[in-house]
């Protein structure tokens, strides 16, 4: 099974998560009284960081 992540895969995932973060930031600007906003924001930022690390690790062709 080929586990390499191409730049196109990374770009698609990053654009998806970036779009979600933009939509979420618009939502949070109207619902800032929600006490779970900070937790969910950390989740999205962590997911984006994980995507970058996943790309870095699995784009290496080490067998």
PDB file of N, CA and C in Angstrom:
ATOM      1  N   UNK A   1       0.841  -1.177   0.000  1.00  0.00           N
ATOM      2  CA  UNK A   1       0.000   0.000   0.000  1.00  0.00           C
ATOM      3  C   UNK A   1       0.888   1.242   0.000  1.00  0.00           C
ATOM      4  N   UNK A   2       0.603   2.158  -0.892  1.00  0.00           N
ATOM      5  CA  UNK A   2       1.391   3.378  -1.025  1.00  0.00           C
ATOM      6  C   UNK A   2       0.870   4.431  -0.056  1.00  0.00           C
ATOM      7  N   UNK A   3       1.713   4.796   0.915  1.00  0.00           N
ATOM      8  CA  UNK A   3       1.293   5.764   1.929  1.00  0.00           C
ATOM      9  C   UNK A   3       1.878   7.149   1.698  1.00  0.00           C
ATOM     10  N   UNK A   4       2.452   7.390   0.511  1.00  0.00           N
ATOM     11  CA  UNK A   4       2.997   8.720   0.270  1.00  0.00           C
ATOM     12  C   UNK A   4       1.864   9.702   0.006  1.00  0.00           C
ATOM     13  N   UNK A   5       2.021  10.873   0.553  1.00  0.00           N
ATOM     14  CA  UNK A   5       1.035  11.928   0.370  1.00  0.00           C
ATOM     15  C   UNK A   5       1.620  12.926  -0.617  1.00  0.00           C
ATOM     16  N   UNK A   6       0.966  13.103  -1.731  1.00  0.00           N
ATOM     17  CA  UNK A   6       1.473  14.018  -2.743  1.00  0.00           C
ATOM     18  C   UNK A   6       1.164  15.457  -2.352  1.00  0.00           C
ATOM     19  N   UNK A   7       1.803  16.379  -3.035  1.00  0.00           N
ATOM     20  CA  UNK A   7       1.549  17.791  -2.767  1.00  0.00           C
ATOM     21  C   UNK A   7       0.105  18.144  -3.095  1.00  0.00           C
ATOM     22  N   UNK A   8      -0.465  17.509  -4.116  1.00  0.00           N
ATOM     23  CA  UNK A   8      -1.866  17.769  -4.471  1.00  0.00           C
ATOM     24  C   UNK A   8      -2.798  17.303  -3.354  1.00  0.00           C
ATOM     25  N   UNK A   9      -2.479  16.160  -2.728  1.00  0.00           N
ATOM     26  CA  UNK A   9      -3.266  15.694  -1.582  1.00  0.00           C
ATOM     27  C   UNK A   9      -3.184  16.692  -0.436  1.00  0.00           C
ATOM     28  N   UNK A  10      -1.964  17.138  -0.163  1.00  0.00           N
ATOM     29  CA  UNK A  10      -1.765  18.108   0.905  1.00  0.00           C
ATOM     30  C   UNK A  10      -2.508  19.403   0.615  1.00  0.00           C
ATOM     31  N   UNK A  11      -2.399  19.854  -0.625  1.00  0.00           N
ATOM     32  CA  UNK A  11      -3.040  21.115  -1.000  1.00  0.00           C
ATOM     33  C   UNK A  11      -4.560  21.009  -0.865  1.00  0.00           C
ATOM     34  N   UNK A  12      -5.131  19.902  -1.287  1.00  0.00           N
ATOM     35  CA  UNK A  12      -6.572  19.713  -1.161  1.00  0.00           C
ATOM     36  C   UNK A  12      -7.021  19.671   0.284  1.00  0.00           C
ATOM     37  N   UNK A  13      -6.289  18.929   1.117  1.00  0.00           N
ATOM     38  CA  UNK A  13      -6.642  18.846   2.534  1.00  0.00           C
ATOM     39  C   UNK A  13      -6.479  20.197   3.211  1.00  0.00           C
ATOM     40  N   UNK A  14      -5.408  20.904   2.881  1.00  0.00           N
ATOM     41  CA  UNK A  14      -5.172  22.204   3.505  1.00  0.00           C
ATOM     42  C   UNK A  14      -6.230  23.217   3.087  1.00  0.00           C
ATOM     43  N   UNK A  15      -6.626  23.196   1.826  1.00  0.00           N
ATOM     44  CA  UNK A  15      -7.688  24.102   1.369  1.00  0.00           C
ATOM     45  C   UNK A  15      -9.017  23.773   2.034  1.00  0.00           C
ATOM     46  N   UNK A  16      -9.304  22.483   2.201  1.00  0.00           N
ATOM     47  CA  UNK A  16     -10.535  22.079   2.881  1.00  0.00           C
ATOM     48  C   UNK A  16     -10.550  22.592   4.315  1.00  0.00           C
ATOM     49  N   UNK A  17      -9.458  22.350   5.053  1.00  0.00           N
ATOM     50  CA  UNK A  17      -9.406  22.792   6.439  1.00  0.00           C
ATOM     51  C   UNK A  17      -9.378  24.311   6.544  1.00  0.00           C
ATOM     52  N   UNK A  18      -8.733  24.978   5.602  1.00  0.00           N
ATOM     53  CA  UNK A  18      -8.726  26.441   5.611  1.00  0.00           C
ATOM     54  C   UNK A  18     -10.127  26.993   5.383  1.00  0.00           C
ATOM     55  N   UNK A  19     -10.864  26.385   4.471  1.00  0.00           N
ATOM     56  CA  UNK A  19     -12.252  26.792   4.239  1.00  0.00           C
ATOM     57  C   UNK A  19     -13.113  26.589   5.464  1.00  0.00           C
ATOM     58  N   UNK A  20     -12.914  25.453   6.135  1.00  0.00           N
ATOM     59  CA  UNK A  20     -13.672  25.185   7.360  1.00  0.00           C
ATOM     60  C   UNK A  20     -13.334  26.218   8.426  1.00  0.00           C
ATOM     61  N   UNK A  21     -12.060  26.577   8.548  1.00  0.00           N
ATOM     62  CA  UNK A  21     -11.655  27.566   9.549  1.00  0.00           C
ATOM     63  C   UNK A  21     -12.249  28.933   9.236  1.00  0.00           C
ATOM     64  N   UNK A  22     -12.301  29.311   7.974  1.00  0.00           N
ATOM     65  CA  UNK A  22     -12.899  30.601   7.602  1.00  0.00           C
ATOM     66  C   UNK A  22     -14.383  30.608   7.952  1.00  0.00           C
ATOM     67  N   UNK A  23     -15.085  29.548   7.595  1.00  0.00           N
ATOM     68  CA  UNK A  23     -16.513  29.459   7.929  1.00  0.00           C
ATOM     69  C   UNK A  23     -16.702  29.474   9.441  1.00  0.00           C
ATOM     70  N   UNK A  24     -15.849  28.733  10.159  1.00  0.00           N
ATOM     71  CA  UNK A  24     -15.958  28.676  11.613  1.00  0.00           C
ATOM     72  C   UNK A  24     -15.661  30.036  12.239  1.00  0.00           C
ATOM     73  N   UNK A  25     -14.697  30.789  11.698  1.00  0.00           N
ATOM     74  CA  UNK A  25     -14.393  32.101  12.266  1.00  0.00           C
ATOM     75  C   UNK A  25     -15.545  33.073  12.054  1.00  0.00           C
ATOM     76  N   UNK A  26     -16.239  32.948  10.932  1.00  0.00           N
ATOM     77  CA  UNK A  26     -17.432  33.775  10.711  1.00  0.00           C
ATOM     78  C   UNK A  26     -18.507  33.413  11.725  1.00  0.00           C
ATOM     79  N   UNK A  27     -18.668  32.113  11.978  1.00  0.00           N
ATOM     80  CA  UNK A  27     -19.653  31.664  12.967  1.00  0.00           C
ATOM     81  C   UNK A  27     -19.296  32.182  14.359  1.00  0.00           C
ATOM     82  N   UNK A  28     -18.012  32.073  14.744  1.00  0.00           N
ATOM     83  CA  UNK A  28     -17.628  32.486  16.093  1.00  0.00           C
ATOM     84  C   UNK A  28     -17.742  33.987  16.295  1.00  0.00           C
ATOM     85  N   UNK A  29     -17.633  34.761  15.230  1.00  0.00           N
ATOM     86  CA  UNK A  29     -17.769  36.204  15.393  1.00  0.00           C
ATOM     87  C   UNK A  29     -19.195  36.591  15.767  1.00  0.00           C
ATOM     88  N   UNK A  30     -20.157  35.714  15.461  1.00  0.00           N
ATOM     89  CA  UNK A  30     -21.554  35.986  15.804  1.00  0.00           C
ATOM     90  C   UNK A  30     -22.011  35.244  17.057  1.00  0.00           C
ATOM     91  N   UNK A  31     -21.236  34.263  17.526  1.00  0.00           N
ATOM     92  CA  UNK A  31     -21.629  33.457  18.679  1.00  0.00           C
ATOM     93  C   UNK A  31     -20.489  33.380  19.688  1.00  0.00           C
ATOM     94  N   UNK A  32     -19.880  34.495  20.004  1.00  0.00           N
ATOM     95  CA  UNK A  32     -18.709  34.498  20.879  1.00  0.00           C
ATOM     96  C   UNK A  32     -19.047  34.182  22.334  1.00  0.00           C
ATOM     97  N   UNK A  33     -20.321  34.152  22.701  1.00  0.00           N
ATOM     98  CA  UNK A  33     -20.687  33.853  24.085  1.00  0.00           C
ATOM     99  C   UNK A  33     -20.633  32.358  24.392  1.00  0.00           C
ATOM    100  N   UNK A  34     -20.456  31.526  23.371  1.00  0.00           N
ATOM    101  CA  UNK A  34     -20.388  30.080  23.558  1.00  0.00           C
ATOM    102  C   UNK A  34     -19.091  29.721  24.277  1.00  0.00           C
ATOM    103  N   UNK A  35     -19.189  28.960  25.371  1.00  0.00           N
ATOM    104  CA  UNK A  35     -17.999  28.645  26.165  1.00  0.00           C
ATOM    105  C   UNK A  35     -17.116  27.579  25.533  1.00  0.00           C
ATOM    106  N   UNK A  36     -17.581  26.904  24.487  1.00  0.00           N
ATOM    107  CA  UNK A  36     -16.791  25.855  23.838  1.00  0.00           C
ATOM    108  C   UNK A  36     -16.031  26.348  22.605  1.00  0.00           C
ATOM    109  N   UNK A  37     -16.140  27.631  22.291  1.00  0.00           N
ATOM    110  CA  UNK A  37     -15.519  28.177  21.083  1.00  0.00           C
ATOM    111  C   UNK A  37     -14.008  27.972  21.094  1.00  0.00           C
ATOM    112  N   UNK A  38     -13.356  28.251  22.206  1.00  0.00           N
ATOM    113  CA  UNK A  38     -11.898  28.135  22.261  1.00  0.00           C
ATOM    114  C   UNK A  38     -11.451  26.691  22.055  1.00  0.00           C
ATOM    115  N   UNK A  39     -12.173  25.747  22.626  1.00  0.00           N
ATOM    116  CA  UNK A  39     -11.825  24.335  22.461  1.00  0.00           C
ATOM    117  C   UNK A  39     -11.946  23.909  21.011  1.00  0.00           C
ATOM    118  N   UNK A  40     -13.008  24.312  20.355  1.00  0.00           N
ATOM    119  CA  UNK A  40     -13.220  23.914  18.966  1.00  0.00           C
ATOM    120  C   UNK A  40     -12.219  24.615  18.053  1.00  0.00           C
ATOM    121  N   UNK A  41     -11.882  25.864  18.344  1.00  0.00           N
ATOM    122  CA  UNK A  41     -10.855  26.560  17.559  1.00  0.00           C
ATOM    123  C   UNK A  41      -9.511  25.846  17.671  1.00  0.00           C
ATOM    124  N   UNK A  42      -9.166  25.403  18.870  1.00  0.00           N
ATOM    125  CA  UNK A  42      -7.918  24.660  19.052  1.00  0.00           C
ATOM    126  C   UNK A  42      -7.956  23.354  18.268  1.00  0.00           C
ATOM    127  N   UNK A  43      -9.123  22.725  18.208  1.00  0.00           N
ATOM    128  CA  UNK A  43      -9.256  21.486  17.444  1.00  0.00           C
ATOM    129  C   UNK A  43      -8.958  21.721  15.969  1.00  0.00           C
ATOM    130  N   UNK A  44      -9.541  22.771  15.377  1.00  0.00           N
ATOM    131  CA  UNK A  44      -9.324  23.033  13.954  1.00  0.00           C
ATOM    132  C   UNK A  44      -7.877  23.394  13.675  1.00  0.00           C
ATOM    133  N   UNK A  45      -7.272  24.207  14.533  1.00  0.00           N
ATOM    134  CA  UNK A  45      -5.866  24.559  14.333  1.00  0.00           C
ATOM    135  C   UNK A  45      -4.969  23.336  14.481  1.00  0.00           C
ATOM    136  N   UNK A  46      -5.292  22.481  15.435  1.00  0.00           N
ATOM    137  CA  UNK A  46      -4.536  21.243  15.603  1.00  0.00           C
ATOM    138  C   UNK A  46      -4.685  20.318  14.413  1.00  0.00           C
ATOM    139  N   UNK A  47      -5.884  20.277  13.841  1.00  0.00           N
ATOM    140  CA  UNK A  47      -6.119  19.446  12.665  1.00  0.00           C
ATOM    141  C   UNK A  47      -5.303  19.940  11.478  1.00  0.00           C
ATOM    142  N   UNK A  48      -5.201  21.242  11.324  1.00  0.00           N
ATOM    143  CA  UNK A  48      -4.389  21.790  10.238  1.00  0.00           C
ATOM    144  C   UNK A  48      -2.905  21.488  10.466  1.00  0.00           C
ATOM    145  N   UNK A  49      -2.444  21.611  11.707  1.00  0.00           N
ATOM    146  CA  UNK A  49      -1.044  21.295  12.010  1.00  0.00           C
ATOM    147  C   UNK A  49      -0.765  19.815  11.768  1.00  0.00           C
ATOM    148  N   UNK A  50      -1.709  18.953  12.140  1.00  0.00           N
ATOM    149  CA  UNK A  50      -1.553  17.522  11.901  1.00  0.00           C
ATOM    150  C   UNK A  50      -1.464  17.223  10.408  1.00  0.00           C
ATOM    151  N   UNK A  51      -2.250  17.924   9.602  1.00  0.00           N
ATOM    152  CA  UNK A  51      -2.206  17.725   8.151  1.00  0.00           C
ATOM    153  C   UNK A  51      -0.833  18.081   7.598  1.00  0.00           C
ATOM    154  N   UNK A  52      -0.267  19.180   8.076  1.00  0.00           N
ATOM    155  CA  UNK A  52       1.068  19.576   7.620  1.00  0.00           C
ATOM    156  C   UNK A  52       2.097  18.529   8.035  1.00  0.00           C
ATOM    157  N   UNK A  53       2.036  18.077   9.288  1.00  0.00           N
ATOM    158  CA  UNK A  53       2.985  17.065   9.748  1.00  0.00           C
ATOM    159  C   UNK A  53       2.799  15.747   9.006  1.00  0.00           C
ATOM    160  N   UNK A  54       1.548  15.379   8.723  1.00  0.00           N
ATOM    161  CA  UNK A  54       1.267  14.158   7.973  1.00  0.00           C
ATOM    162  C   UNK A  54       1.896  14.242   6.591  1.00  0.00           C
ATOM    163  N   UNK A  55       1.783  15.398   5.968  1.00  0.00           N
ATOM    164  CA  UNK A  55       2.391  15.590   4.647  1.00  0.00           C
ATOM    165  C   UNK A  55       3.907  15.460   4.724  1.00  0.00           C
ATOM    166  N   UNK A  56       4.506  16.098   5.713  1.00  0.00           N
ATOM    167  CA  UNK A  56       5.962  16.064   5.834  1.00  0.00           C
ATOM    168  C   UNK A  56       6.447  14.635   6.059  1.00  0.00           C
ATOM    169  N   UNK A  57       5.796  13.910   6.951  1.00  0.00           N
ATOM    170  CA  UNK A  57       6.239  12.553   7.276  1.00  0.00           C
ATOM    171  C   UNK A  57       6.011  11.601   6.113  1.00  0.00           C
ATOM    172  N   UNK A  58       4.824  11.611   5.527  1.00  0.00           N
ATOM    173  CA  UNK A  58       4.494  10.621   4.511  1.00  0.00           C
ATOM    174  C   UNK A  58       4.900  11.030   3.098  1.00  0.00           C
ATOM    175  N   UNK A  59       5.466  12.216   2.947  1.00  0.00           N
ATOM    176  CA  UNK A  59       5.973  12.571   1.624  1.00  0.00           C
ATOM    177  C   UNK A  59       7.417  12.119   1.452  1.00  0.00           C
ATOM    178  N   UNK A  60       8.042  11.705   2.546  1.00  0.00           N
ATOM    179  CA  UNK A  60       9.401  11.176   2.461  1.00  0.00           C
ATOM    180  C   UNK A  60       9.340   9.768   1.882  1.00  0.00           C
ATOM    181  N   UNK A  61      10.183   9.489   0.945  1.00  0.00           N
ATOM    182  CA  UNK A  61      10.192   8.167   0.315  1.00  0.00           C
ATOM    183  C   UNK A  61      11.214   7.269   1.000  1.00  0.00           C
ATOM    184  N   UNK A  62      10.971   6.963   2.262  1.00  0.00           N
ATOM    185  CA  UNK A  62      11.852   6.090   3.030  1.00  0.00           C
ATOM    186  C   UNK A  62      11.160   4.740   3.151  1.00  0.00           C
ATOM    187  N   UNK A  63      11.826   3.724   2.676  1.00  0.00           N
ATOM    188  CA  UNK A  63      11.214   2.385   2.711  1.00  0.00           C
ATOM    189  C   UNK A  63      12.070   1.446   3.523  1.00  0.00           C
TER     190      UNK A  63
END
